[in-house]
Amino acid sequence: MEFEKQVLDLLPPPGTKVAVGMSGGVDSSMAVWLLKQRGCEVIGLTMSLWNNQFPLQDTGVKGCFGPGEEQEIEMAQSVAKQLEIPFHVIPLADEYNKAVLEYFRQEYLGGRTPNPCVRCNRTIKFGFLIERAEKAGIPFDYFATGHYARIHFDPVQNRYLLLRGIDLEKDQSYFLAMLQQEQLKKIVFPLGNLTKSQIRHLARSAGFPQLAEQSESQDFLESNKYDVLFREEEVKGGDIVDENGHILGKHHGIIHYTIGQRKGLGIGGAGEPYYVIGLDPINNRVIVGRKPALLKQAMKVIDCNWVSIPDAPDMPMKIHCKIRLRHEPASAQLEKADEHGKMVRVTFDEPQSAITPGQTAVFYDNDIVLGAGTIDSAEK
């Protein structure tokens, strides 16, 4: 194939035992195929997360968590059989509930908007899944997934660097920025030097046309609404107020709102539309304002993880920062805000819209992922 050299640069030597996290989708399936072509000894692993704890119905919405999991496991098993590799299902429902779902619930109840996929990658997919597979006596040297990202070992720093994928439209380094060195040294991303269109073409030529046309998961939950994860007594209505505290309307629970939201506010009247500019969980209020109120110049980021560098830089550093998945990394200055490097202040060259507490902020130096943290607050 024309991109063989690109792929080989990211793969371990022939004969290496590699476990692949399989979802039944085209990306993880082609990761298996590429590793098999390389001559690696490949094992398929799939997480089982669903335990009927929440009243979710299988409505056809694709996601990581929900009753449609059984079909996805069957698909992954079918691909593993076609590729003639061993396949194991690793039950992780309890771990997922504690580490991801409960975190997600508490963040929303606290007026923040979390990113559960970042949390899942660090603790579940590249944490408990590997740990449980090893405890089950499944031997492997590396763990691979179908993420569009790259890992490069820098002998000067003696560190593994996390890099953006070549296909910037599909780059998934944002989801991986909370990984640590101990995890990176055992991870392989076979698709990092390829584009999505190349992967779809590869799937067709490799005999998996059904995967090439498959739609992708859009969220972590198989539902268009998150309220199914909350008990009725946890979600209470309250006031929608402006920046001066004047009551403009009523909300039906702060879990239904996020910074920057315009639709569903139910506030009438002439003039410019209102947007959610803040959430006040203590007083159970949704704060709204006009669009300019969404623009903020700086933010405080906490619980920072430094993946490609050993610690937060001691001196102010020019970076690019991504404040949510669909945000184009913006030029900014990063400054250490505590002696341990766990808190930083990011000042953008230009004000950014809808900086949202709870979301993950990822720091880049060109293609290198320096680190990431959780947005705590924004400043004008």
Foldseek 3Di string as FASTA:
>chain_A
DVCLVVLVVQADAAAAEEEEAAQLFLLSLVVVVNNVVRNYQYEYEYEDAEDPPFPDDQPVADAQYDPCSVVRLVSRVVSCVVVVHHYDYDYDNVVCCVQQLVVCVVQLLQFFHAASLLSCVAPPVLHVRVVRCVVVVNDGQAYEYSAQWGWDQDPVQRFIFTFFAPANVRTDVLSHQQHARVSRVRYTHSCRPDYLVVSLVVCVVVPNPVNSPDDDRDYNDSDPDDCSSDDPVSFAKDFEAEPVRHGQGIDGGSSVAWFQDFPPPPGDDDDAGKTFHGADSVRRYTYIDHQVSQWFFKFKFFQKDFHGDDADDQDKDWWFKDQADPGDTFIWIWHQDDPRRGMIMIGGPGTDGRRTFNYKMWTHDHGTTGIIGTTHGTHD
